[in-house]
Amino acid sequence: MGSLKKHIGFKDRILKSKKIFIIGVAGDSGSGKTTFVKGIQNMFGSDMVCNFSLDDYHSLDRDGRAKRGITALNPEANNLEQLYQDLVKLKKRESIMKPVYEHATGTFGKPVKFDPKPIIIIEGLMPFYTDKLREVVDFKIFVDPERSVKRKWKIKRDVKDRGHKMEEVMKEIIAREPDYKKFIDFEKIYAEVVIKIRPTKFADVLGESDNVSIRLIQRLLDIPLENLPLGIDLAKLLGKTKTSFSLDFEGGDYYGYDVSKITIDGTIPEEVLEELQERILEFIGNSSGSIFSSECNTATDLTQLLITWRFLEKIDNILKN
C-alpha cells in the first residue's frame, strides 16, 4: 500500500482532536440525500457517526403549514435559529433535546436526547440557508437530481414507504417546485460537493435497476491527500465481462470556484470498488466496513467512496490548521 501506511489511524486523529465535525447534506425531499453519505457512515462505523433529519426542525406541523398556505420548503416553516443553536452545542460536545417530527401523522412528537459523536451528519432542506449555518457546517454536500429522477424516488418513498396517496404526492411535488427554486436550489452555490443525477444512458442494457448517471462536482483543495489510484483491469474488460459503464473527467468552474467534474454511469467493475474501499478503510484505520448493499455495483457506490475520500481530505485540512 506504500505511503498510505503512515496514515493508518486517521480515525484516531479525529478522536484525539476532541473536535466534532458536522456534515451537511442539502437537497429537496426525496432527492437521495441519505444514500450518498452511507459510505461515511459505514466506513467509520456507528461508534463514530450519528445523524438526524432537519425535518425535525420544522416550526409548523402539516396542518399549520396548510393553514398558512406555505410548504415545508419555506424558511417560515422551519426553526433555523434553534437548529443553529443546537449545532453550536453539539460542536461543544454537549447533548441537546432534539425536536421530533412524525411524518406518519405530520405532527410533532416529544423531544429526545441527542448525544454528539465525532461525526454528525445532518440531512435536509436548509443546512446552508443562513450565514451562521454555513459557518458551523464543516463539509457541505448538495444533492441535485433531475426532476424526472427525483419524482420517481419521491413517489417510491412517500407512496410505498410512507403510505401516502399517489394523488397527494403528485399534488405536493407540483406545489413545492416554486419554493424549491426560491429557497433551496441556491444552496448548491455554497456546497463543496454537488451531486447531479440523471437517468442512465445504459437503460437498454441494464434494464430496470437502480442505475443512474452521476456527475460529481468537487471544489479543488489547496492541499489534497496523496494519490488514490483508480485501477481498472483492461484484460478482464476485454475478456468475458458484460459490464457497461463510462467514466468522464474534466476540470472547470462552478459558481466561481475551480472544480473537478467526474461523470459516472453504468455498472462499475467490482475490482475498482474493492480496491478503493480497501485503501480508504486502511487510511481511516478500520479493519471492516463496506458500502456494498447489493450485487450490482453502481455509479452510486463509486460516488459514495469518492465522497468519503473527499471528506477525509477536508478533515485532514482542518486538523492541520
Protein backbone atom coordinates (compact mmCIF):
# COMPACT_ATOMS: atom_id res chain seq x y z
CA MET A 1 0.00 0.00 0.00
CA GLY A 2 3.03 2.24 0.00
CA SER A 3 2.83 5.56 1.79
CA LEU A 4 -0.75 5.01 2.94
CA LYS A 5 0.69 3.07 5.89
CA LYS A 6 1.84 6.26 7.56
CA HIS A 7 -1.77 7.46 7.66
CA ILE A 8 -3.25 4.41 9.40
CA GLY A 9 -5.17 5.76 12.35
CA PHE A 10 -6.96 8.75 10.78
CA LYS A 11 -9.92 7.69 12.91
CA ASP A 12 -7.68 8.05 15.96
CA ARG A 13 -6.59 11.51 14.80
CA ILE A 14 -10.22 12.60 14.84
CA LEU A 15 -10.79 11.13 18.29
CA LYS A 16 -7.65 12.71 19.73
CA SER A 17 -8.58 16.12 18.31
CA LYS A 18 -11.73 16.15 20.50
CA LYS A 19 -13.42 18.01 17.64
CA ILE A 20 -16.94 17.44 16.38
CA PHE A 21 -17.26 17.53 12.59
CA ILE A 22 -20.62 18.31 11.02
CA ILE A 23 -21.51 17.15 7.52
CA GLY A 24 -24.47 18.93 5.94
CA VAL A 25 -26.38 17.30 3.09
CA ALA A 26 -28.83 19.65 1.36
CA GLY A 27 -31.46 18.95 -1.24
CA ASP A 28 -35.17 18.60 -1.81
CA SER A 29 -37.32 15.96 -0.17
CA GLY A 30 -36.84 12.56 -1.81
CA SER A 31 -33.63 13.55 -3.62
CA GLY A 32 -31.50 10.71 -2.22
CA LYS A 33 -29.58 12.70 0.40
CA THR A 34 -29.28 9.78 2.83
CA THR A 35 -27.88 7.44 0.19
CA PHE A 36 -24.78 9.44 -0.66
CA VAL A 37 -23.38 9.64 2.88
CA LYS A 38 -23.80 5.95 3.62
CA GLY A 39 -20.17 5.41 2.69
CA ILE A 40 -19.02 7.70 5.50
CA GLN A 41 -21.42 6.08 7.96
CA ASN A 42 -20.48 2.51 7.06
CA MET A 43 -16.73 3.00 6.79
CA PHE A 44 -16.29 4.95 10.03
CA GLY A 45 -18.86 2.92 11.94
CA SER A 46 -21.74 3.71 14.26
CA ASP A 47 -19.37 4.45 17.15
CA MET A 48 -18.06 7.46 15.21
CA VAL A 49 -21.08 8.71 13.25
CA CYS A 50 -24.59 9.85 14.17
CA ASN A 51 -27.20 11.66 12.12
CA PHE A 52 -30.58 13.34 12.15
CA SER A 53 -33.07 14.86 9.71
CA LEU A 54 -33.69 18.59 9.58
CA ASP A 55 -37.39 17.82 9.17
CA ASP A 56 -37.32 17.64 12.96
CA TYR A 57 -36.75 21.40 12.93
CA HIS A 58 -40.00 22.27 11.17
CA SER A 59 -41.68 25.02 13.16
CA LEU A 60 -45.13 24.23 11.75
CA ASP A 61 -46.80 20.84 11.53
CA ARG A 62 -48.66 19.69 8.41
CA ASP A 63 -51.94 21.35 9.42
CA GLY A 64 -50.13 24.54 10.42
CA ARG A 65 -48.47 24.79 7.02
CA ALA A 66 -51.77 24.17 5.28
CA LYS A 67 -53.47 26.95 7.27
CA ARG A 68 -50.65 29.36 6.43
CA GLY A 69 -50.66 28.30 2.79
CA ILE A 70 -46.92 27.57 2.77
CA THR A 71 -44.81 24.49 2.13
CA ALA A 72 -42.13 22.89 4.31
CA LEU A 73 -39.53 24.47 1.99
CA ASN A 74 -40.39 27.96 3.21
CA PRO A 75 -37.98 29.26 5.89
CA GLU A 76 -41.01 30.45 7.87
CA ALA A 77 -41.96 26.79 8.35
CA ASN A 78 -38.57 25.92 9.87
CA ASN A 79 -36.82 26.88 13.10
CA LEU A 80 -33.37 27.60 11.67
CA GLU A 81 -32.24 29.57 14.72
CA GLN A 82 -32.90 26.63 17.02
CA LEU A 83 -31.05 24.39 14.57
CA TYR A 84 -28.05 26.70 14.67
CA GLN A 85 -28.05 26.90 18.47
CA ASP A 86 -28.28 23.11 18.74
CA LEU A 87 -25.40 22.61 16.30
CA VAL A 88 -23.25 25.02 18.30
CA LYS A 89 -23.96 22.98 21.45
CA LEU A 90 -23.17 19.72 19.67
CA LYS A 91 -19.84 21.12 18.44
CA LYS A 92 -19.05 21.87 22.08
CA ARG A 93 -19.68 18.17 22.78
CA GLU A 94 -22.90 18.98 24.64
CA SER A 95 -26.09 16.92 24.38
CA ILE A 96 -29.29 18.52 23.11
CA MET A 97 -33.00 17.84 23.40
CA LYS A 98 -33.76 17.39 19.72
CA PRO A 99 -37.27 18.03 18.40
CA VAL A 100 -39.05 15.19 16.61
CA TYR A 101 -41.30 15.44 13.54
CA GLU A 102 -43.52 12.43 12.79
CA HIS A 103 -44.00 12.01 9.04
CA ALA A 104 -46.74 9.43 9.50
CA THR A 105 -49.02 11.95 11.21
CA GLY A 106 -47.50 15.27 10.16
CA THR A 107 -47.25 16.28 13.81
CA PHE A 108 -44.52 16.73 16.41
CA GLY A 109 -43.51 14.07 18.92
CA LYS A 110 -41.75 14.51 22.23
CA PRO A 111 -38.18 15.86 22.06
CA VAL A 112 -35.46 13.25 22.57
CA LYS A 113 -31.97 13.49 24.00
CA PHE A 114 -29.33 13.51 21.27
CA ASP A 115 -25.68 12.90 22.16
CA PRO A 116 -22.91 14.03 19.80
CA LYS A 117 -20.41 11.70 18.18
CA PRO A 118 -17.20 12.78 16.41
CA ILE A 119 -19.01 12.96 13.05
CA ILE A 120 -22.57 14.29 12.85
CA ILE A 121 -24.49 14.14 9.58
CA ILE A 122 -27.46 16.47 9.15
CA GLU A 123 -29.72 15.98 6.13
CA GLY A 124 -32.49 18.25 4.99
CA LEU A 125 -33.77 21.24 3.13
CA MET A 126 -31.77 24.13 4.59
CA PRO A 127 -28.46 23.19 6.24
CA PHE A 128 -26.70 26.07 4.43
CA TYR A 129 -29.55 28.59 4.26
CA THR A 130 -28.02 31.19 6.60
CA ASP A 131 -24.51 32.55 7.07
CA LYS A 132 -24.41 31.14 10.60
CA LEU A 133 -25.37 27.64 9.47
CA ARG A 134 -22.79 27.71 6.70
CA GLU A 135 -20.15 28.66 9.26
CA VAL A 136 -20.94 25.82 11.65
CA VAL A 137 -21.17 23.05 9.00
CA ASP A 138 -17.72 21.66 8.16
CA PHE A 139 -18.43 19.72 4.97
CA LYS A 140 -21.24 20.67 2.62
CA ILE A 141 -22.91 18.39 0.05
CA PHE A 142 -25.79 19.31 -2.26
CA VAL A 143 -27.79 16.57 -4.00
CA ASP A 144 -29.34 17.76 -7.25
CA PRO A 145 -31.27 15.10 -9.23
CA GLU A 146 -33.09 15.85 -12.45
CA ARG A 147 -36.79 16.36 -11.87
CA SER A 148 -37.72 13.01 -13.50
CA VAL A 149 -35.37 11.10 -11.21
CA LYS A 150 -36.49 12.97 -8.10
CA ARG A 151 -40.15 12.42 -8.95
CA LYS A 152 -39.58 8.67 -9.26
CA TRP A 153 -37.67 8.49 -5.96
CA LYS A 154 -40.14 10.66 -4.04
CA ILE A 155 -43.11 8.60 -5.23
CA LYS A 156 -41.34 5.40 -4.18
CA ARG A 157 -40.54 6.79 -0.74
CA ASP A 158 -43.78 8.62 0.04
CA VAL A 159 -46.24 6.15 -1.52
CA LYS A 160 -44.55 2.79 -0.98
CA ASP A 161 -42.56 3.50 2.19
CA ARG A 162 -44.65 6.15 3.99
CA GLY A 163 -48.11 5.11 2.81
CA HIS A 164 -49.21 8.43 1.29
CA LYS A 165 -51.72 8.53 -1.56
CA MET A 166 -50.33 8.92 -5.09
CA GLU A 167 -52.54 11.91 -5.94
CA GLU A 168 -51.47 13.71 -2.76
CA VAL A 169 -47.79 13.12 -3.51
CA MET A 170 -48.12 14.37 -7.10
CA LYS A 171 -50.00 17.46 -5.93
CA GLU A 172 -47.29 18.16 -3.36
CA ILE A 173 -44.50 17.76 -5.94
CA ILE A 174 -46.09 20.41 -8.16
CA ALA A 175 -46.84 22.77 -5.25
CA ARG A 176 -43.30 22.56 -3.88
CA GLU A 177 -41.42 23.31 -7.10
CA PRO A 178 -41.56 27.15 -6.93
CA ASP A 179 -40.37 27.11 -3.31
CA TYR A 180 -37.57 24.69 -4.21
CA LYS A 181 -36.29 27.13 -6.80
CA LYS A 182 -36.71 30.10 -4.46
CA PHE A 183 -35.40 28.73 -1.16
CA ILE A 184 -33.38 25.53 -1.70
CA ASP A 185 -31.68 25.45 -5.10
CA PHE A 186 -29.32 28.35 -4.36
CA GLU A 187 -27.64 26.41 -1.53
CA LYS A 188 -25.57 24.48 -4.06
CA ILE A 189 -23.53 27.66 -4.52
CA TYR A 190 -22.06 27.05 -1.06
CA ALA A 191 -21.54 23.29 -1.35
CA GLU A 192 -18.07 21.79 -1.67
CA VAL A 193 -19.56 18.75 -3.39
CA VAL A 194 -22.54 18.85 -5.75
CA ILE A 195 -24.08 15.56 -6.90
CA LYS A 196 -26.04 15.89 -10.14
CA ILE A 197 -28.15 12.85 -11.06
CA ARG A 198 -29.83 11.92 -14.32
CA PRO A 199 -31.16 8.71 -15.90
CA THR A 200 -28.50 6.25 -17.04
CA LYS A 201 -27.64 6.11 -20.73
CA PHE A 202 -27.32 2.33 -20.38
CA ALA A 203 -31.01 1.71 -19.62
CA ASP A 204 -31.41 -0.56 -22.67
CA VAL A 205 -28.57 -2.78 -21.43
CA LEU A 206 -29.17 -2.64 -17.68
CA GLY A 207 -32.97 -2.75 -17.76
CA GLU A 208 -34.98 -1.82 -14.67
CA SER A 209 -32.43 -1.16 -11.96
CA ASP A 210 -31.16 1.45 -9.53
CA ASN A 211 -28.56 2.65 -12.01
CA VAL A 212 -28.31 6.38 -12.64
CA SER A 213 -25.73 8.66 -14.20
CA ILE A 214 -23.96 10.85 -11.63
CA ARG A 215 -21.87 13.95 -12.17
CA LEU A 216 -19.77 14.64 -9.09
CA ILE A 217 -18.65 18.28 -8.92
CA GLN A 218 -15.98 18.89 -6.27
CA ARG A 219 -14.15 22.05 -5.31
CA LEU A 220 -10.39 21.72 -5.55
CA LEU A 221 -8.40 21.71 -2.31
CA ASP A 222 -5.10 23.53 -1.83
CA ILE A 223 -3.65 20.51 -0.01
CA PRO A 224 -5.21 17.26 -1.27
CA LEU A 225 -4.33 13.91 0.22
CA GLU A 226 -1.94 11.58 -1.59
CA ASN A 227 -2.84 9.70 -4.74
CA LEU A 228 -5.88 7.43 -4.71
CA PRO A 229 -5.46 5.00 -7.64
CA LEU A 230 -8.50 4.05 -9.71
CA GLY A 231 -7.49 0.64 -11.03
CA ILE A 232 -9.27 -0.95 -13.99
CA ASP A 233 -8.28 -4.39 -15.29
CA LEU A 234 -8.42 -3.93 -19.07
CA ALA A 235 -7.68 -7.61 -19.66
CA LYS A 236 -10.80 -8.53 -17.74
CA LEU A 237 -12.87 -5.90 -19.55
CA LEU A 238 -11.72 -7.21 -22.91
CA GLY A 239 -12.40 -10.78 -21.85
CA LYS A 240 -15.66 -12.23 -20.61
CA THR A 241 -17.16 -9.24 -18.84
CA LYS A 242 -20.51 -7.84 -19.94
CA THR A 243 -20.15 -4.69 -17.87
CA SER A 244 -21.38 -1.44 -19.41
CA PHE A 245 -20.00 1.70 -17.80
CA SER A 246 -18.37 5.04 -18.52
CA LEU A 247 -16.15 7.46 -16.62
CA ASP A 248 -15.58 11.04 -17.74
CA PHE A 249 -13.38 13.67 -16.10
CA GLU A 250 -12.99 17.36 -16.77
CA GLY A 251 -11.83 20.43 -14.93
CA GLY A 252 -13.86 23.58 -14.85
CA ASP A 253 -15.51 26.39 -12.95
CA TYR A 254 -18.65 26.20 -10.81
CA TYR A 255 -20.04 29.44 -9.39
CA GLY A 256 -16.57 30.97 -9.34
CA TYR A 257 -14.73 28.00 -7.82
CA ASP A 258 -12.21 25.75 -9.54
CA VAL A 259 -13.70 22.25 -9.58
CA SER A 260 -13.27 18.75 -10.90
CA LYS A 261 -16.23 17.12 -12.64
CA ILE A 262 -16.43 13.33 -12.72
CA THR A 263 -19.33 11.70 -14.56
CA ILE A 264 -20.01 8.07 -13.65
CA ASP A 265 -22.54 5.81 -15.34
CA GLY A 266 -23.34 2.12 -15.58
CA THR A 267 -22.18 -0.95 -13.67
CA ILE A 268 -18.73 -0.27 -12.22
CA PRO A 269 -16.18 -3.12 -12.31
CA GLU A 270 -16.08 -4.81 -8.93
CA GLU A 271 -12.29 -4.64 -8.63
CA VAL A 272 -12.41 -0.84 -8.90
CA LEU A 273 -14.74 -0.52 -5.92
CA GLU A 274 -12.97 -3.16 -3.84
CA GLU A 275 -9.54 -1.56 -4.24
CA LEU A 276 -10.84 1.92 -3.44
CA GLN A 277 -12.73 0.67 -0.43
CA GLU A 278 -9.72 -1.25 0.90
CA ARG A 279 -7.47 1.79 0.59
CA ILE A 280 -9.94 4.13 2.25
CA LEU A 281 -10.54 1.70 5.12
CA GLU A 282 -6.79 1.38 5.63
CA PHE A 283 -6.42 5.15 5.65
CA ILE A 284 -9.21 5.52 8.22
CA GLY A 285 -7.74 2.76 10.35
CA ASN A 286 -10.73 0.43 10.22
CA SER A 287 -10.45 -3.28 9.51
CA SER A 288 -14.09 -3.60 8.50
CA GLY A 289 -16.86 -1.60 6.91
CA SER A 290 -18.43 -1.72 3.48
CA ILE A 291 -20.54 0.41 1.19
CA PHE A 292 -21.86 -2.51 -0.81
CA SER A 293 -25.54 -3.24 -0.28
CA SER A 294 -26.33 -5.18 -3.45
CA GLU A 295 -24.75 -7.35 -6.11
CA CYS A 296 -24.97 -4.52 -8.63
CA ASN A 297 -22.00 -2.12 -8.44
CA THR A 298 -23.47 1.20 -9.49
CA ALA A 299 -22.35 4.77 -10.02
CA THR A 300 -23.87 5.46 -6.61
CA ASP A 301 -21.43 3.04 -4.96
CA LEU A 302 -18.40 4.69 -6.55
CA THR A 303 -19.77 8.12 -5.67
CA GLN A 304 -20.10 7.10 -2.02
CA LEU A 305 -16.42 6.12 -1.98
CA LEU A 306 -15.27 9.32 -3.67
CA ILE A 307 -17.32 11.46 -1.27
CA THR A 308 -15.82 9.60 1.69
CA TRP A 309 -12.32 10.32 0.35
CA ARG A 310 -13.20 13.97 -0.22
CA PHE A 311 -14.48 14.21 3.35
CA LEU A 312 -11.18 12.78 4.62
CA GLU A 313 -9.30 15.40 2.60
CA LYS A 314 -11.39 18.21 4.09
CA ILE A 315 -10.96 16.97 7.66
CA ASP A 316 -7.23 16.49 7.11
CA ASN A 317 -7.01 20.16 6.09
CA ILE A 318 -8.97 21.24 9.18
CA LEU A 319 -6.83 19.17 11.54
CA LYS A 320 -3.63 20.62 10.07
CA ASN A 321 -4.78 24.22 10.62
